[in-house]
Amino acid sequence: MAQNKVRTRFAPSPTGRMHVGNLRTALYAYLIAKHEGGDFLLRIEDTDQEREVEGAVDIIYRTLQKTGLLHDEGPDKDGGVGPYIQSQRQAQGIYLEYAKKLIDKGEAYYCFCDQERLDSLVQELEGKTISKYDKHCLHLSKEEIEAKLAAGVPYVIRQNNPLEGTTTFVDELYGDITVPNEELDDMILIKSDGFPTYNFANVVDDHLMNITHVVRGNEYLSSSPKYNRLYEAFGWEVPTYIHCPLITDEEHKKLSKRSGHSSFEDLLEQGFLTEAIINLVALLGWSPEDNNEIFSLEELVKAFDYRHISKSPAVLDMTKLKWMNGEYIKAMDDDKFYEMALPYIKEVLTRDMDFKKIASMIKTRIEVFTDIKDQIDFFEAVPDYDNEMYTHKKMKTNPENSLTLLTEVLPILEAQEKFDNDSLFEALQEFGKAKEYKTGYIMWPLRTAVSGKQATPGGATELMSVLGKEETIARIKAAIEKLS
C-alpha cells in the first residue's frame, strides 16, 4: 500500500445515539480523505464492553449511510488490514503481542499492584485529586514476574515513561505542545481483563491500518504526548493529528443530552433534513475561504481544508440550523417535499383533502417539518379566536362591518358551482365591483372566518378551494353566528 495515500478513520464506540461531536469527527475525517482522493475507514472500538449499548452498531451504520459518509473499508468491507472491530482484534491477541514487544524493549512492564495499594497513591494537590503510579513493579526481577504470572496473580501492563526531559507533540492546529516527562503517568496499556485501553488500542490499530491523519476532539490534547511516546517506543511514524474545537450549546455550555439536540437522531426527530445537519456540522469549527454557507457534501469535499479549522469553541446555533433547513426545503423538488411532508400533514388532518395543494402552500413557509402542524391545523377545525381578529386598520375592517360582509357574501358562495381558487376569486371580485368594496375588505373577514388565524399559507380563496364548498359555508355560517 502506497504510504503517501491519505487514510483516515472514524472509530466510534457503540454506546448509543451519535453525538453531534462524533458526527463532526466522522465528517472531517471523511472530507480530509476524499479531498485528497484517499481512503476513509470505519473501525468499531468496543473494548469498553461495559458501556456498549445494544443496537448501537446499527445506529453507526445507519447514520453513515444516511449522511453519505460511506467508508471504503470497515467490518463489512475488508481492505486487508482487518478485523475492523477491536474486540475481534483483541481475541486474536494483537494488543497483547504488541504490549509484550514493548516489555521486551523496556518500554512497558507488568504491574501486579492491587487496588488497595493503588488507592494509597492518591494524593490531593492544589485542590485536585491526582494519582500517579510510582513504578513500584518496574523493579521486580524476572523470576518474581514469572512466579506471579504462573500463580495467576492479576496484572495490568503499563507504559514505562521517563521521569526526566520533555516530550513534544505536534498538532496541525495547535502547533508544538511540550510537556515535562515527570507529568506523564505510566498509563495502563492492557487492563486486568486482558482488553487494551482506548489509548493503546488506538495507536496499535492506527499504525497497522496505515492511518495518516487522525481527527478527534481537543479534549484528547492532554493525553497526546503519551501517544507520541508509544509511537517512538515502537519506532513508528506519528500520524498527522487534527484536534477539533469543543462544541457548545447557545449558552456556551458543553453540548449534552439535556440540550435535547445533542445527537444526529435528535435533530432528525425535530424535523431537520440530513443535508442541512451535515452542512451545519461542517461549519462547527471550519470556515470556507469565501462567505458561502450552503454546501452539498460534494462541494464540501472540494472546499474542505483542515488548516482552516478554528481553535475557538463552536456553537451549535439552532436558529442558524433552522434557517439553513428552510433554505434546503425551499430548494427541494416539489414531489420530494410532498413525500416528506405527507406524514406530518396526515398527523394533523383526518379528513380527505387535497394534501398536495396544502403541501405546495406551506413549502416556503416552514423551516422544519415539525412546523407543519401549526401551519395547517385550522384545516381540521377552526381554533377558538377573538372577534377582534376581524379588525384590520389597513383593510378598514372590524367585527361590525365584517358581520355585514359575511352575510352579503354567503348567498354568492352558496350559488357558486365551481369552487376552485380562480372561480372563487372572480366571483368575489365581481361582487366587490358591484358593491364598490376593495378586495382586501372582502378577503380579510373571509380568511378569518374560515381559518380563525391571522396568518395562513395562502389567501382566502385558496383556503376555501381546499376546504370545499360544504365546509366553507358551514364555517362562514358559524362565523356569522359568532359575530352576532
Protein backbone atom coordinates (compact mmCIF):
# COMPACT_ATOMS: atom_id res chain seq x y z
CA MET A 1 0.00 0.00 0.00
CA ALA A 2 1.42 3.35 -1.06
CA GLN A 3 2.16 5.22 2.16
CA ASN A 4 1.69 8.64 0.62
CA LYS A 5 -2.03 7.91 0.22
CA VAL A 6 -4.16 9.76 2.78
CA ARG A 7 -6.01 7.32 5.04
CA THR A 8 -8.35 8.49 7.80
CA ARG A 9 -10.63 6.57 10.12
CA PHE A 10 -13.79 7.03 12.11
CA ALA A 11 -13.55 4.88 15.22
CA PRO A 12 -16.74 5.23 17.30
CA SER A 13 -17.65 3.27 20.42
CA PRO A 14 -21.10 1.68 20.19
CA THR A 15 -22.62 3.50 23.15
CA GLY A 16 -25.93 4.81 21.77
CA ARG A 17 -27.07 7.67 19.56
CA MET A 18 -24.46 9.50 17.52
CA HIS A 19 -23.46 12.72 19.25
CA VAL A 20 -23.04 15.78 17.04
CA GLY A 21 -19.33 15.87 18.04
CA ASN A 22 -18.86 12.30 16.80
CA LEU A 23 -20.68 13.11 13.59
CA ARG A 24 -18.32 16.06 13.05
CA THR A 25 -15.30 13.79 13.64
CA ALA A 26 -16.65 11.35 11.03
CA LEU A 27 -17.40 14.18 8.60
CA TYR A 28 -13.98 15.86 8.93
CA ALA A 29 -12.17 12.51 8.64
CA TYR A 30 -14.22 11.72 5.52
CA LEU A 31 -13.61 15.17 3.97
CA ILE A 32 -9.85 15.07 4.63
CA ALA A 33 -9.57 11.68 2.94
CA LYS A 34 -11.84 12.46 -0.02
CA HIS A 35 -10.33 15.93 -0.61
CA GLU A 36 -7.02 14.14 -1.28
CA GLY A 37 -8.54 11.15 -3.09
CA GLY A 38 -7.74 8.91 -0.11
CA ASP A 39 -9.46 6.20 1.92
CA PHE A 40 -11.95 6.56 4.78
CA LEU A 41 -12.10 3.63 7.21
CA LEU A 42 -14.66 2.57 9.81
CA ARG A 43 -13.37 0.84 12.94
CA ILE A 44 -15.63 -0.17 15.83
CA GLU A 45 -13.97 0.46 19.20
CA ASP A 46 -15.81 -1.89 21.53
CA THR A 47 -13.08 -2.65 24.06
CA ASP A 48 -15.05 -0.93 26.83
CA GLN A 49 -17.64 -3.70 26.98
CA GLU A 50 -19.49 -2.25 29.99
CA ARG A 51 -20.52 0.89 28.08
CA GLU A 52 -21.69 -0.92 24.96
CA VAL A 53 -25.38 -0.42 24.11
CA GLU A 54 -27.36 -2.99 22.17
CA GLY A 55 -28.22 -1.83 18.65
CA ALA A 56 -25.62 0.96 18.74
CA VAL A 57 -23.52 -0.61 15.96
CA ASP A 58 -26.61 -0.49 13.71
CA ILE A 59 -27.02 3.22 14.56
CA ILE A 60 -23.42 3.84 13.39
CA TYR A 61 -24.00 2.08 10.06
CA ARG A 62 -27.39 3.76 9.54
CA THR A 63 -26.01 7.24 10.27
CA LEU A 64 -23.05 6.87 7.89
CA GLN A 65 -25.36 5.50 5.19
CA LYS A 66 -27.93 8.27 5.63
CA THR A 67 -25.36 11.09 5.70
CA GLY A 68 -23.44 9.75 2.68
CA LEU A 69 -20.20 9.33 4.67
CA LEU A 70 -19.55 5.97 3.04
CA HIS A 71 -16.48 4.08 4.24
CA ASP A 72 -14.02 2.40 1.86
CA GLU A 73 -13.01 -0.20 4.45
CA GLY A 74 -14.67 -1.49 7.61
CA PRO A 75 -16.18 -4.56 9.26
CA ASP A 76 -18.34 -5.09 6.17
CA LYS A 77 -15.63 -4.14 3.60
CA ASP A 78 -12.28 -5.79 4.21
CA GLY A 79 -9.36 -3.83 2.82
CA GLY A 80 -6.71 -6.30 4.00
CA VAL A 81 -5.95 -4.73 7.40
CA GLY A 82 -8.89 -6.21 9.36
CA PRO A 83 -10.55 -7.20 11.50
CA TYR A 84 -12.08 -3.74 11.95
CA ILE A 85 -13.75 -4.49 15.30
CA GLN A 86 -11.45 -4.11 18.30
CA SER A 87 -12.91 -6.99 20.34
CA GLN A 88 -12.14 -9.30 17.39
CA ARG A 89 -8.61 -7.90 17.19
CA GLN A 90 -8.25 -8.45 20.93
CA ALA A 91 -9.41 -12.07 20.54
CA GLN A 92 -6.61 -12.56 18.01
CA GLY A 93 -4.12 -11.42 20.65
CA ILE A 94 -2.92 -8.42 18.61
CA TYR A 95 -2.73 -5.97 21.53
CA LEU A 96 -1.07 -8.36 23.97
CA GLU A 97 1.51 -9.23 21.31
CA TYR A 98 2.42 -5.55 20.84
CA ALA A 99 2.41 -4.84 24.58
CA LYS A 100 4.89 -7.70 25.06
CA LYS A 101 7.10 -6.21 22.35
CA LEU A 102 7.28 -3.04 24.46
CA ILE A 103 8.08 -5.11 27.58
CA ASP A 104 10.99 -6.70 25.68
CA LYS A 105 12.26 -3.20 24.78
CA GLY A 106 11.94 -1.96 28.39
CA GLU A 107 9.22 0.49 27.29
CA ALA A 108 6.47 -1.29 29.29
CA TYR A 109 6.20 -3.58 32.31
CA TYR A 110 3.87 -5.91 34.22
CA CYS A 111 2.17 -4.34 37.24
CA PHE A 112 0.65 -6.61 39.91
CA CYS A 113 -0.38 -3.91 42.43
CA ASP A 114 -3.81 -4.46 43.97
CA GLN A 115 -6.48 -1.79 44.36
CA GLU A 116 -5.57 -1.12 47.99
CA ARG A 117 -2.00 -0.24 47.06
CA LEU A 118 -3.14 1.92 44.10
CA ASP A 119 -5.58 3.79 46.39
CA SER A 120 -2.69 4.60 48.74
CA LEU A 121 -1.01 6.55 45.88
CA VAL A 122 -3.91 9.01 45.53
CA GLN A 123 -2.99 12.47 46.81
CA GLU A 124 -4.51 15.93 46.98
CA LEU A 125 -2.57 18.58 45.10
CA GLU A 126 -3.81 22.20 44.83
CA GLY A 127 -7.38 21.08 45.42
CA LYS A 128 -7.16 18.34 42.77
CA THR A 129 -7.15 14.61 43.39
CA ILE A 130 -4.26 13.08 41.46
CA SER A 131 -2.97 9.56 41.26
CA LYS A 132 0.42 8.87 39.73
CA TYR A 133 1.83 5.38 39.66
CA ASP A 134 5.21 5.13 41.43
CA LYS A 135 6.83 2.49 39.12
CA HIS A 136 6.80 0.02 42.05
CA CYS A 137 6.52 -3.07 39.79
CA LEU A 138 9.13 -1.86 37.31
CA HIS A 139 11.79 -3.11 39.71
CA LEU A 140 10.53 -6.69 40.01
CA SER A 141 13.06 -9.32 38.94
CA LYS A 142 12.40 -11.65 36.01
CA GLU A 143 11.93 -14.56 38.45
CA GLU A 144 9.43 -12.61 40.58
CA ILE A 145 7.40 -11.71 37.47
CA GLU A 146 7.38 -15.30 36.19
CA ALA A 147 6.31 -16.62 39.60
CA LYS A 148 3.40 -14.16 39.82
CA LEU A 149 2.28 -14.93 36.26
CA ALA A 150 2.48 -18.68 36.96
CA ALA A 151 0.44 -18.22 40.15
CA GLY A 152 -2.27 -16.36 38.18
CA VAL A 153 -1.87 -13.06 40.07
CA PRO A 154 -3.98 -10.42 38.24
CA TYR A 155 -1.89 -7.86 36.36
CA VAL A 156 -2.00 -4.89 34.02
CA ILE A 157 0.70 -3.82 31.56
CA ARG A 158 1.91 -0.23 31.99
CA GLN A 159 3.81 2.11 29.72
CA ASN A 160 7.28 2.97 31.08
CA ASN A 161 7.57 6.74 30.70
CA PRO A 162 10.79 8.57 31.58
CA LEU A 163 10.91 10.86 34.62
CA GLU A 164 13.30 13.37 33.11
CA GLY A 165 13.30 15.52 29.98
CA THR A 166 10.31 16.59 27.91
CA THR A 167 8.05 15.20 25.20
CA THR A 168 6.93 17.39 22.31
CA PHE A 169 3.78 16.68 20.42
CA VAL A 170 2.87 18.42 17.14
CA ASP A 171 -0.74 19.23 16.28
CA GLU A 172 -1.73 20.72 12.91
CA LEU A 173 -3.82 23.44 14.56
CA TYR A 174 -2.22 23.94 17.96
CA GLY A 175 1.39 23.61 16.85
CA ASP A 176 4.01 22.22 19.25
CA ILE A 177 2.86 21.09 22.68
CA THR A 178 5.69 20.26 25.08
CA VAL A 179 5.19 18.59 28.47
CA PRO A 180 7.72 17.65 31.16
CA ASN A 181 8.01 13.86 31.29
CA GLU A 182 7.57 13.87 35.07
CA GLU A 183 3.90 14.79 34.37
CA LEU A 184 3.33 11.66 32.29
CA ASP A 185 1.76 8.85 34.23
CA ASP A 186 2.73 5.27 33.37
CA MET A 187 -0.61 4.67 31.72
CA ILE A 188 -2.13 1.22 31.53
CA LEU A 189 -1.87 -0.41 28.09
CA ILE A 190 -3.53 -3.77 28.85
CA LYS A 191 -6.24 -3.91 31.55
CA SER A 192 -6.63 -6.77 34.04
CA ASP A 193 -9.44 -8.24 31.88
CA GLY A 194 -6.98 -8.61 29.00
CA PHE A 195 -8.58 -5.82 26.98
CA PRO A 196 -6.43 -2.92 25.77
CA THR A 197 -7.09 0.63 26.95
CA TYR A 198 -8.57 3.05 24.44
CA ASN A 199 -5.25 4.89 24.02
CA PHE A 200 -3.12 1.83 23.40
CA ALA A 201 -5.56 0.10 21.02
CA ASN A 202 -5.80 3.33 19.03
CA VAL A 203 -2.06 3.63 18.48
CA VAL A 204 -1.60 -0.03 17.52
CA ASP A 205 -4.61 -0.05 15.18
CA ASP A 206 -3.84 3.29 13.54
CA HIS A 207 -0.33 2.05 12.74
CA LEU A 208 -1.41 -1.37 11.48
CA MET A 209 -4.17 0.19 9.37
CA ASN A 210 -1.77 2.76 7.84
CA ILE A 211 -3.75 5.75 9.12
CA THR A 212 -2.07 9.01 8.06
CA HIS A 213 -4.41 11.62 9.63
CA VAL A 214 -6.21 11.36 12.98
CA VAL A 215 -9.18 13.67 13.68
CA ARG A 216 -10.51 13.96 17.22
CA GLY A 217 -11.80 16.40 19.83
CA ASN A 218 -9.37 18.71 21.59
CA GLU A 219 -10.22 17.12 24.95
CA TYR A 220 -7.62 14.50 23.90
CA LEU A 221 -4.83 17.07 23.51
CA SER A 222 -3.53 16.49 27.04
CA SER A 223 -3.09 12.73 26.51
CA SER A 224 -1.42 13.19 23.12
CA PRO A 225 2.21 13.27 24.37
CA LYS A 226 1.67 9.73 25.73
CA TYR A 227 0.66 8.63 22.23
CA ASN A 228 3.89 10.06 20.85
CA ARG A 229 5.92 8.13 23.39
CA LEU A 230 4.22 4.94 22.24
CA TYR A 231 4.96 5.66 18.57
CA GLU A 232 8.57 6.41 19.46
CA ALA A 233 8.84 3.29 21.62
CA PHE A 234 7.73 1.16 18.66
CA GLY A 235 9.84 3.16 16.21
CA TRP A 236 6.74 4.03 14.18
CA GLU A 237 5.90 7.17 12.23
CA VAL A 238 3.48 9.50 14.05
CA PRO A 239 0.33 10.36 12.02
CA THR A 240 -0.85 13.93 11.44
CA TYR A 241 -3.10 14.97 14.34
CA ILE A 242 -6.02 17.38 13.96
CA HIS A 243 -7.74 18.28 17.24
CA CYS A 244 -11.13 19.95 16.73
CA PRO A 245 -12.65 22.61 19.00
CA LEU A 246 -15.29 21.91 21.62
CA ILE A 247 -18.95 22.14 20.51
CA THR A 248 -21.22 24.09 22.86
CA ASP A 249 -24.91 24.97 23.01
CA GLU A 250 -26.16 28.56 22.70
CA GLU A 251 -25.42 29.13 26.40
CA HIS A 252 -21.76 28.21 25.69
CA LYS A 253 -22.08 25.07 27.79
CA LYS A 254 -20.75 21.73 26.55
CA LEU A 255 -23.33 20.12 24.27
CA SER A 256 -25.05 17.49 26.40
CA LYS A 257 -28.07 15.21 26.14
CA ARG A 258 -30.01 17.69 28.28
CA SER A 259 -29.94 20.23 25.45
CA GLY A 260 -32.29 17.95 23.51
CA HIS A 261 -30.37 18.29 20.26
CA SER A 262 -27.01 16.72 21.01
CA SER A 263 -27.37 13.76 18.64
CA PHE A 264 -27.99 13.27 14.92
CA GLU A 265 -31.19 11.31 15.70
CA ASP A 266 -32.50 14.11 17.98
CA LEU A 267 -32.18 16.57 15.10
CA LEU A 268 -33.87 14.24 12.60
CA GLU A 269 -36.77 13.76 15.02
CA GLN A 270 -37.09 17.55 15.30
CA GLY A 271 -37.78 17.76 11.57
CA PHE A 272 -34.33 18.67 10.23
CA LEU A 273 -33.01 17.36 6.92
CA THR A 274 -29.86 15.23 6.83
CA GLU A 275 -28.27 17.57 4.26
CA ALA A 276 -28.83 20.64 6.44
CA ILE A 277 -27.46 18.86 9.53
CA ILE A 278 -24.28 17.82 7.67
CA ASN A 279 -23.92 21.32 6.23
CA LEU A 280 -24.12 22.97 9.67
CA VAL A 281 -21.90 20.35 11.35
CA ALA A 282 -19.21 21.08 8.73
CA LEU A 283 -19.26 24.72 9.88
CA LEU A 284 -18.80 23.83 13.57
CA GLY A 285 -15.19 24.92 13.69
CA TRP A 286 -14.36 25.16 10.00
CA SER A 287 -14.99 28.15 7.77
CA PRO A 288 -14.61 28.28 3.98
CA GLU A 289 -12.46 30.89 2.28
CA ASP A 290 -15.47 32.65 0.72
CA ASN A 291 -18.56 33.53 2.74
CA ASN A 292 -20.73 30.82 1.25
CA GLU A 293 -22.62 28.84 3.89
CA ILE A 294 -24.70 26.38 1.88
CA PHE A 295 -22.71 23.31 0.76
CA SER A 296 -23.63 19.90 -0.57
CA LEU A 297 -21.39 17.02 0.54
CA GLU A 298 -19.64 17.03 -2.88
CA GLU A 299 -18.98 20.78 -2.55
CA LEU A 300 -17.61 20.25 0.96
CA VAL A 301 -15.18 17.61 -0.34
CA LYS A 302 -13.82 20.15 -2.84
CA ALA A 303 -13.69 23.12 -0.44
CA PHE A 304 -12.58 21.49 2.81
CA ASP A 305 -9.12 22.39 4.09
CA TYR A 306 -8.45 21.28 7.67
CA ARG A 307 -5.90 24.06 8.10
CA HIS A 308 -8.88 26.44 8.32
CA ILE A 309 -10.32 24.76 11.42
CA SER A 310 -10.60 27.19 14.32
CA LYS A 311 -9.36 26.60 17.86
CA SER A 312 -12.27 28.51 19.45
CA PRO A 313 -15.30 26.59 20.72
CA ALA A 314 -18.03 26.16 18.10
CA VAL A 315 -21.66 26.94 18.94
CA LEU A 316 -24.44 24.69 17.68
CA ASP A 317 -26.71 27.57 16.72
CA MET A 318 -30.26 26.21 16.39
CA THR A 319 -31.55 29.44 14.83
CA LYS A 320 -28.97 29.14 12.09
CA LEU A 321 -29.76 25.45 11.61
CA LYS A 322 -33.47 26.28 11.22
CA TRP A 323 -32.70 28.99 8.65
CA MET A 324 -30.41 26.60 6.76
CA ASN A 325 -33.01 23.84 6.87
CA GLY A 326 -35.61 26.26 5.47
CA GLU A 327 -33.27 27.04 2.57
CA TYR A 328 -32.90 23.31 1.82
CA ILE A 329 -36.69 22.85 1.96
CA LYS A 330 -37.27 25.77 -0.44
CA ALA A 331 -34.76 24.29 -2.90
CA MET A 332 -36.32 20.83 -2.67
CA ASP A 333 -38.10 19.20 -5.59
CA ASP A 334 -41.89 19.57 -5.07
CA ASP A 335 -42.62 15.84 -5.29
CA LYS A 336 -39.85 15.02 -2.81
CA PHE A 337 -41.15 17.69 -0.44
CA TYR A 338 -44.69 16.31 -0.70
CA GLU A 339 -43.45 12.79 0.06
CA MET A 340 -41.60 14.02 3.19
CA ALA A 341 -44.35 16.39 4.34
CA LEU A 342 -47.23 13.92 3.93
CA PRO A 343 -46.73 12.00 7.22
CA TYR A 344 -46.69 15.33 9.12
CA ILE A 345 -49.84 16.51 7.28
CA LYS A 346 -51.68 13.26 7.96
CA GLU A 347 -50.83 13.51 11.64
CA VAL A 348 -53.00 16.65 11.81
CA LEU A 349 -55.67 16.26 9.11
CA THR A 350 -58.08 13.36 9.33
CA ARG A 351 -60.49 14.49 6.59
CA ASP A 352 -59.77 13.83 2.94
CA MET A 353 -58.42 16.99 1.29
CA ASP A 354 -56.03 17.98 -1.47
CA PHE A 355 -52.85 17.25 0.54
CA LYS A 356 -50.66 18.01 -2.48
CA LYS A 357 -52.15 21.51 -2.70
CA ILE A 358 -51.68 22.01 1.06
CA ALA A 359 -48.02 20.89 0.76
CA SER A 360 -47.36 23.40 -2.04
CA MET A 361 -48.93 26.18 0.08
CA ILE A 362 -46.64 25.55 3.09
CA LYS A 363 -43.33 24.70 1.38
CA THR A 364 -41.81 28.20 1.56
CA ARG A 365 -43.35 28.95 4.96
CA ILE A 366 -41.67 26.33 7.14
CA GLU A 367 -38.13 25.89 8.42
CA VAL A 368 -38.53 22.40 9.87
CA PHE A 369 -41.10 19.69 9.16
CA THR A 370 -42.46 19.93 12.70
CA ASP A 371 -43.62 23.50 11.82
CA ILE A 372 -46.26 21.96 9.53
CA LYS A 373 -48.73 21.25 12.34
CA ASP A 374 -49.15 24.92 13.33
CA GLN A 375 -49.44 25.96 9.69
CA ILE A 376 -52.32 23.63 8.80
CA ASP A 377 -54.21 22.71 11.98
CA PHE A 378 -57.09 25.07 11.07
CA PHE A 379 -57.95 22.89 8.04
CA GLU A 380 -59.07 20.25 10.56
CA ALA A 381 -61.11 22.66 12.70
CA VAL A 382 -61.30 26.42 13.29
CA PRO A 383 -59.49 27.23 16.54
CA ASP A 384 -61.15 29.40 19.15
CA TYR A 385 -60.42 33.04 18.27
CA ASP A 386 -61.25 36.57 19.43
CA ASN A 387 -63.68 38.60 17.29
CA GLU A 388 -61.15 41.45 17.40
CA MET A 389 -59.22 39.46 14.80
CA TYR A 390 -61.63 40.88 12.21
CA THR A 391 -60.20 44.34 12.89
CA HIS A 392 -57.64 45.40 10.30
CA LYS A 393 -56.95 49.14 10.01
CA LYS A 394 -55.44 48.93 6.54
CA MET A 395 -58.37 46.89 5.17
CA LYS A 396 -60.80 49.14 7.14
CA THR A 397 -62.49 46.07 8.64
CA ASN A 398 -63.90 45.48 12.12
CA PRO A 399 -66.30 42.93 13.72
CA GLU A 400 -69.43 45.01 12.81
CA ASN A 401 -68.77 45.52 9.10
CA SER A 402 -67.32 42.01 8.84
CA LEU A 403 -70.67 40.61 10.01
CA THR A 404 -72.44 42.59 7.28
CA LEU A 405 -69.93 41.49 4.64
CA LEU A 406 -70.09 37.77 5.50
CA THR A 407 -73.91 37.93 5.48
CA GLU A 408 -73.80 39.52 1.98
CA VAL A 409 -71.19 37.05 0.64
CA LEU A 410 -72.88 33.89 1.93
CA PRO A 411 -75.60 33.62 -0.79
CA ILE A 412 -72.98 34.26 -3.52
CA LEU A 413 -70.87 31.36 -2.26
CA GLU A 414 -73.95 29.16 -1.86
CA ALA A 415 -74.83 29.82 -5.52
CA GLN A 416 -71.23 29.23 -6.69
CA GLU A 417 -70.92 26.00 -8.68
CA LYS A 418 -67.18 25.98 -9.40
CA PHE A 419 -65.24 26.07 -6.12
CA ASP A 420 -61.67 26.33 -7.38
CA ASN A 421 -59.41 29.25 -6.46
CA ASP A 422 -59.75 31.19 -9.75
CA SER A 423 -63.54 30.86 -9.98
CA LEU A 424 -63.98 31.95 -6.35
CA PHE A 425 -61.67 34.94 -6.81
CA GLU A 426 -63.54 36.02 -9.96
CA ALA A 427 -66.96 35.74 -8.28
CA LEU A 428 -65.80 37.77 -5.25
CA GLN A 429 -64.21 40.44 -7.47
CA GLU A 430 -67.49 40.91 -9.36
CA PHE A 431 -69.33 41.16 -6.07
CA GLY A 432 -66.77 43.75 -4.91
CA LYS A 433 -67.20 45.86 -8.08
CA ALA A 434 -70.97 45.88 -7.69
CA LYS A 435 -70.68 46.93 -4.03
CA GLU A 436 -67.61 49.17 -4.54
CA TYR A 437 -65.66 47.14 -1.97
CA LYS A 438 -61.86 46.79 -2.15
CA THR A 439 -60.51 43.24 -2.45
CA GLY A 440 -58.83 43.28 0.98
CA TYR A 441 -62.08 44.44 2.60
CA ILE A 442 -63.73 41.21 1.35
CA MET A 443 -60.84 38.78 1.78
CA TRP A 444 -59.75 39.63 5.36
CA PRO A 445 -63.09 38.73 7.04
CA LEU A 446 -63.43 35.65 4.82
CA ARG A 447 -59.98 34.36 5.68
CA THR A 448 -60.57 34.99 9.39
CA ALA A 449 -63.92 33.18 9.21
CA VAL A 450 -62.60 30.04 7.50
CA SER A 451 -59.27 29.80 9.40
CA GLY A 452 -59.57 31.61 12.73
CA LYS A 453 -55.96 32.74 12.18
CA GLN A 454 -54.17 35.97 11.33
CA ALA A 455 -51.51 34.30 9.19
CA THR A 456 -52.23 31.39 6.87
CA PRO A 457 -50.48 29.67 3.98
CA GLY A 458 -52.47 31.09 1.09
CA GLY A 459 -55.26 33.63 0.82
CA ALA A 460 -58.98 33.30 1.49
CA THR A 461 -59.99 31.81 -1.86
CA GLU A 462 -57.13 29.31 -1.81
CA LEU A 463 -58.19 28.12 1.65
CA MET A 464 -61.84 27.91 0.58
CA SER A 465 -60.96 25.85 -2.51
CA VAL A 466 -59.05 23.34 -0.32
CA LEU A 467 -61.81 23.20 2.33
CA GLY A 468 -64.50 22.68 -0.31
CA LYS A 469 -67.96 24.25 -0.63
CA GLU A 470 -69.77 22.45 2.17
CA GLU A 471 -67.12 23.06 4.83
CA THR A 472 -66.56 26.68 3.74
CA ILE A 473 -70.25 27.55 4.01
CA ALA A 474 -70.53 25.82 7.39
CA ARG A 475 -67.57 27.86 8.70
CA ILE A 476 -68.96 31.16 7.39
CA LYS A 477 -72.34 30.45 8.99
CA ALA A 478 -70.56 29.69 12.28
CA ALA A 479 -68.63 32.99 11.98
CA ILE A 480 -71.85 34.95 11.35
CA GLU A 481 -73.32 33.40 14.47
CA LYS A 482 -70.15 34.18 16.46
CA LEU A 483 -70.21 37.82 15.31
CA SER A 484 -73.94 38.16 16.01
